[in-house]
Protein backbone atom coordinates (compact mmCIF):
# COMPACT_ATOMS: atom_id res chain seq x y z
CA MET A 1 -9.43 70.29 -245.82
CA ASN A 2 -7.43 67.10 -246.03
CA VAL A 3 -6.92 67.05 -242.18
CA LEU A 4 -10.24 67.08 -242.24
CA LEU A 5 -11.21 64.84 -244.76
CA ALA A 6 -8.80 62.40 -242.89
CA LEU A 7 -10.48 62.56 -239.29
CA VAL A 8 -13.83 61.83 -240.66
CA PHE A 9 -12.49 58.71 -243.00
CA ILE A 10 -10.68 57.41 -239.94
CA LEU A 11 -13.62 58.24 -237.18
CA LEU A 12 -15.63 55.89 -240.49
CA SER A 13 -13.41 53.21 -240.63
CA VAL A 14 -12.84 52.71 -236.26
CA GLY A 15 -16.64 52.77 -235.82
CA VAL A 16 -17.63 51.19 -239.34
CA TYR A 17 -15.36 48.15 -237.87
CA LEU A 18 -16.92 49.27 -234.09
CA LEU A 19 -19.86 47.66 -235.11
CA MET A 20 -18.77 43.90 -236.86
CA SER A 21 -17.08 43.91 -234.36
CA MET A 22 -20.44 43.84 -231.48
CA LEU A 23 -22.43 42.42 -234.88
CA TYR A 24 -19.81 39.19 -234.31
CA LYS A 25 -19.20 39.43 -230.59
CA ARG A 26 -23.49 39.04 -230.74
CA TYR A 27 -23.48 36.41 -233.09
CA ARG A 28 -19.89 34.83 -233.74
CA LEU A 29 -20.63 33.32 -236.99
CA PRO A 30 -17.29 32.77 -238.61
CA VAL A 31 -18.50 34.63 -241.64
CA LEU A 32 -18.49 37.69 -239.30
CA LEU A 33 -15.83 38.44 -239.20
CA PRO A 34 -15.19 42.57 -238.10
CA ALA A 35 -12.09 42.45 -240.49
CA LEU A 36 -13.94 41.22 -243.14
CA THR A 37 -17.54 42.43 -242.65
CA ALA A 38 -15.83 45.96 -241.48
CA THR A 39 -13.75 46.28 -245.47
CA PHE A 40 -16.52 44.88 -247.30
CA THR A 41 -18.82 47.61 -245.74
CA LEU A 42 -16.45 50.38 -246.67
CA VAL A 43 -16.24 48.96 -249.87
CA VAL A 44 -19.97 49.60 -250.27
CA LEU A 45 -20.55 52.74 -249.13
CA LEU A 46 -17.28 54.12 -251.30
CA LEU A 47 -19.06 52.87 -254.24
CA GLY A 48 -22.03 54.41 -252.76
CA LEU A 49 -20.58 57.88 -252.21
CA HIS A 50 -19.15 57.48 -254.68
CA ILE A 51 -15.68 58.56 -253.43
CA SER A 52 -12.40 57.21 -254.91
CA TYR A 53 -9.57 54.96 -253.16
CA GLU A 54 -7.17 57.73 -253.35
CA THR A 55 -9.62 59.97 -251.49
CA TYR A 56 -10.60 57.62 -249.14
CA MET A 57 -6.75 56.70 -248.07
CA ILE A 58 -5.77 60.55 -247.57
CA GLY A 59 -6.70 59.32 -243.60
CA GLY A 60 -6.95 55.74 -244.31
CA GLU A 61 -2.69 55.50 -244.92
CA TRP A 62 -2.46 56.40 -241.09
CA ILE A 63 -4.12 53.71 -240.29
CA ASN A 64 -2.16 51.57 -242.35
CA ARG A 65 0.96 52.80 -240.49
CA LEU A 66 -0.22 51.46 -237.52
CA LEU A 67 -0.66 47.47 -238.77
CA GLY A 68 3.55 47.76 -237.99
CA PRO A 69 3.49 48.46 -234.58
CA ALA A 70 0.55 45.77 -234.49
CA VAL A 71 2.74 43.73 -235.42
CA VAL A 72 5.81 44.10 -233.56
CA SER A 73 2.83 43.37 -230.34
CA LEU A 74 2.32 39.94 -231.00
CA ALA A 75 5.67 39.93 -229.53
CA TYR A 76 5.03 40.39 -226.31
CA PRO A 77 2.58 37.00 -226.07
CA LEU A 78 5.10 35.84 -227.84
CA TYR A 79 8.61 36.44 -224.81
CA LYS A 80 5.68 35.42 -221.75
CA GLN A 81 4.86 31.92 -223.64
CA ARG A 82 8.21 31.35 -224.88
CA HIS A 83 9.31 28.05 -222.59
CA VAL A 84 6.44 26.94 -224.36
CA LEU A 85 7.63 27.86 -227.96
CA TRP A 86 11.24 26.04 -227.26
CA GLN A 87 9.61 22.74 -225.76
CA ASN A 88 7.92 21.87 -228.44
CA LEU A 89 10.28 24.36 -231.70
CA PRO A 90 10.43 20.56 -233.17
CA ALA A 91 6.96 20.50 -233.79
CA VAL A 92 5.90 24.33 -234.07
CA LEU A 93 8.69 24.13 -237.30
CA GLY A 94 7.54 20.75 -238.21
CA GLY A 95 4.81 22.13 -238.73
CA THR A 96 4.66 26.03 -240.12
CA PHE A 97 7.62 24.76 -242.78
CA THR A 98 4.68 21.92 -244.18
CA GLY A 99 1.33 23.94 -243.91
CA LEU A 100 3.83 26.70 -245.43
CA LEU A 101 4.15 24.14 -248.57
CA VAL A 102 1.04 23.34 -248.79
CA GLY A 103 -0.15 26.36 -249.28
CA MET A 104 2.09 27.79 -251.46
CA PHE A 105 2.61 25.07 -254.12
CA SER A 106 -0.96 24.26 -254.02
CA GLY A 107 -1.27 28.24 -255.14
CA LEU A 108 1.62 27.43 -257.45
CA LEU A 109 0.02 24.53 -258.91
CA LEU A 110 -3.79 25.75 -259.18
CA ALA A 111 -2.20 28.81 -261.40
CA LEU A 112 0.16 26.93 -263.74
CA TRP A 113 -2.87 24.71 -264.06
CA PHE A 114 -5.57 26.84 -265.19
CA GLY A 115 -3.25 27.85 -267.33
CA PHE A 116 -1.62 31.33 -266.16
CA SER A 117 0.16 33.84 -267.77
CA LYS A 118 3.98 33.97 -265.80
CA MET A 119 2.93 37.40 -264.58
CA TYR A 120 -0.03 36.22 -262.48
CA VAL A 121 2.01 32.64 -261.46
CA LEU A 122 4.60 34.96 -259.73
CA SER A 123 2.01 37.27 -257.87
CA VAL A 124 0.11 33.97 -256.53
CA LEU A 125 3.03 32.41 -255.74
CA PRO A 126 3.70 34.90 -252.72
CA LYS A 127 0.20 33.87 -250.80
CA SER A 128 0.32 32.31 -248.43
CA ILE A 129 2.88 35.19 -246.64
CA THR A 130 1.94 37.82 -244.93
CA THR A 131 0.92 40.73 -246.96
CA ALA A 132 4.38 42.83 -246.15
CA VAL A 133 6.68 40.96 -247.32
CA ALA A 134 4.57 39.00 -249.67
CA ILE A 135 3.96 42.35 -252.16
CA GLN A 136 8.39 42.70 -251.70
CA ILE A 137 8.65 38.91 -252.81
CA SER A 138 5.85 39.33 -255.56
CA GLY A 139 8.04 42.61 -256.72
CA ASN A 140 10.79 41.24 -257.24
CA LEU A 141 10.15 38.56 -258.54
CA GLY A 142 7.75 39.89 -261.11
CA GLY A 143 4.93 39.88 -260.70
CA ASP A 144 1.55 42.62 -259.69
CA ALA A 145 2.05 44.18 -256.08
CA SER A 146 -1.62 44.82 -256.13
CA LEU A 147 -2.76 41.36 -257.12
CA THR A 148 -0.51 39.77 -254.39
CA SER A 149 -1.89 41.58 -251.74
CA VAL A 150 -5.86 40.34 -253.45
CA PHE A 151 -4.37 36.85 -253.11
CA VAL A 152 -3.33 37.07 -249.20
CA MET A 153 -6.50 38.39 -247.99
CA ILE A 154 -8.29 36.17 -250.15
CA ALA A 155 -5.78 34.20 -248.35
CA GLY A 156 -6.01 35.62 -245.38
CA PHE A 157 -10.22 35.73 -245.33
CA THR A 158 -10.38 31.37 -246.53
CA GLY A 159 -8.34 30.82 -243.24
CA ALA A 160 -9.88 32.97 -240.73
CA ILE A 161 -13.67 31.72 -241.32
CA GLY A 162 -13.14 28.23 -242.36
CA GLY A 163 -10.32 27.70 -239.61
CA PRO A 164 -12.80 26.76 -237.18
CA TYR A 165 -15.48 24.69 -239.06
CA ILE A 166 -11.30 22.78 -239.58
CA ILE A 167 -10.57 22.92 -236.13
CA LYS A 168 -13.77 21.18 -234.75
CA LEU A 169 -12.92 18.20 -237.93
CA PHE A 170 -11.13 17.69 -236.73
CA ARG A 171 -11.27 18.04 -232.94
CA ILE A 172 -7.75 20.30 -232.20
CA ARG A 173 -7.95 21.36 -229.08
CA GLY A 174 -4.37 22.18 -228.08
CA GLU A 175 -3.68 25.64 -227.70
CA SER A 176 -0.46 25.31 -230.04
CA GLY A 177 -1.27 23.90 -232.81
CA ILE A 178 -5.24 25.43 -233.29
CA GLY A 179 -2.23 28.72 -232.76
CA ILE A 180 0.60 26.67 -235.95
CA GLY A 181 -2.03 26.52 -238.13
CA LEU A 182 -4.36 29.15 -237.53
CA GLY A 183 -0.73 31.56 -238.30
CA THR A 184 0.73 29.52 -241.41
CA ALA A 185 -2.55 29.45 -243.50
CA SER A 186 -3.77 33.67 -243.07
CA HIS A 187 -1.59 35.33 -241.41
CA ALA A 188 -2.49 38.25 -239.18
CA LEU A 189 -5.56 37.72 -239.54
CA GLY A 190 -5.76 34.20 -237.90
CA THR A 191 -3.32 35.54 -235.66
CA ALA A 192 -6.44 38.32 -234.45
CA LYS A 193 -8.94 34.48 -235.12
CA ALA A 194 -6.72 32.86 -232.73
CA LEU A 195 -6.95 35.85 -229.82
CA GLU A 196 -9.96 34.24 -229.50
CA TYR A 197 -8.30 30.30 -228.62
CA GLY A 198 -6.11 31.68 -226.20
CA GLU A 199 -2.70 33.19 -225.86
CA ARG A 200 -0.61 30.28 -225.65
CA ALA A 201 -2.05 29.91 -229.37
CA VAL A 202 -1.57 34.13 -230.44
CA SER A 203 2.14 33.36 -229.31
CA MET A 204 2.07 30.48 -232.06
CA SER A 205 0.37 32.18 -234.50
CA SER A 206 2.65 34.80 -234.74
CA VAL A 207 5.37 32.28 -234.51
CA ALA A 208 4.31 30.93 -237.62
CA MET A 209 3.91 34.17 -239.19
CA THR A 210 6.82 34.69 -239.09
CA VAL A 211 8.81 31.53 -239.60
CA SER A 212 6.27 31.84 -242.75
CA ALA A 213 7.58 35.18 -243.89
CA ILE A 214 11.73 33.97 -243.74
CA VAL A 215 11.52 31.04 -244.79
CA GLY A 216 8.59 31.68 -248.53
CA SER A 217 11.11 34.40 -248.46
CA ILE A 218 13.89 31.63 -249.69
CA VAL A 219 11.60 29.54 -251.41
CA GLY A 220 9.45 32.07 -253.04
CA PRO A 221 12.58 32.53 -255.40
CA VAL A 222 13.54 29.20 -255.20
CA ALA A 223 10.26 28.06 -256.82
CA ALA A 224 10.25 31.19 -260.03
CA TRP A 225 14.16 30.57 -260.72
CA MET A 226 12.86 26.81 -260.67
CA LEU A 227 10.25 27.20 -263.07
CA TYR A 228 11.46 30.04 -265.81
CA HIS A 229 15.22 29.24 -265.93
């Protein structure tokens, strides 16, 4: 029975994503990003059919397991563009560090300004880091991993949707700059969006996402220690 349910939910998820991808290719609006519209559609379907999250994850778990290999596969375009990375290393690292610090501390300051409790502050602190790493940091600091996942998703979606408008507004045309901005601001979703700008953009985005995770793993605990010790 579980095998049948898993197959149904896997096919449902893939089918919904393919439909949303077709919609996105037709209209090309950032708000129609397949990851966002497919997630929204699946949530509506599950709520309408009264299917619990635990039941859905019988199949969703197998899709979730593909996240690791998908992230690792980003090493291929990075390898092909390695010469570009070395030529622009100071700019790549500088842009990534700046973007990470602005993203992390803007969320932190807003949380403190609104009077969030310690648990909420520590949950929002790693929002500028990719999900897998952010959850670990949040849990170790005393935050709530589920809340952190939500904050990371919000950051990812807003960056992937709003990023193209900002790129157009400031007339950013260099693939490297676009990739660094998207990867730093919106992690895996930004990297997926960078695919539309070219291989170099994807490479720089994956670098930015990785550097953000490494630096954020250091800066996050230090910031938490300074706040609550």
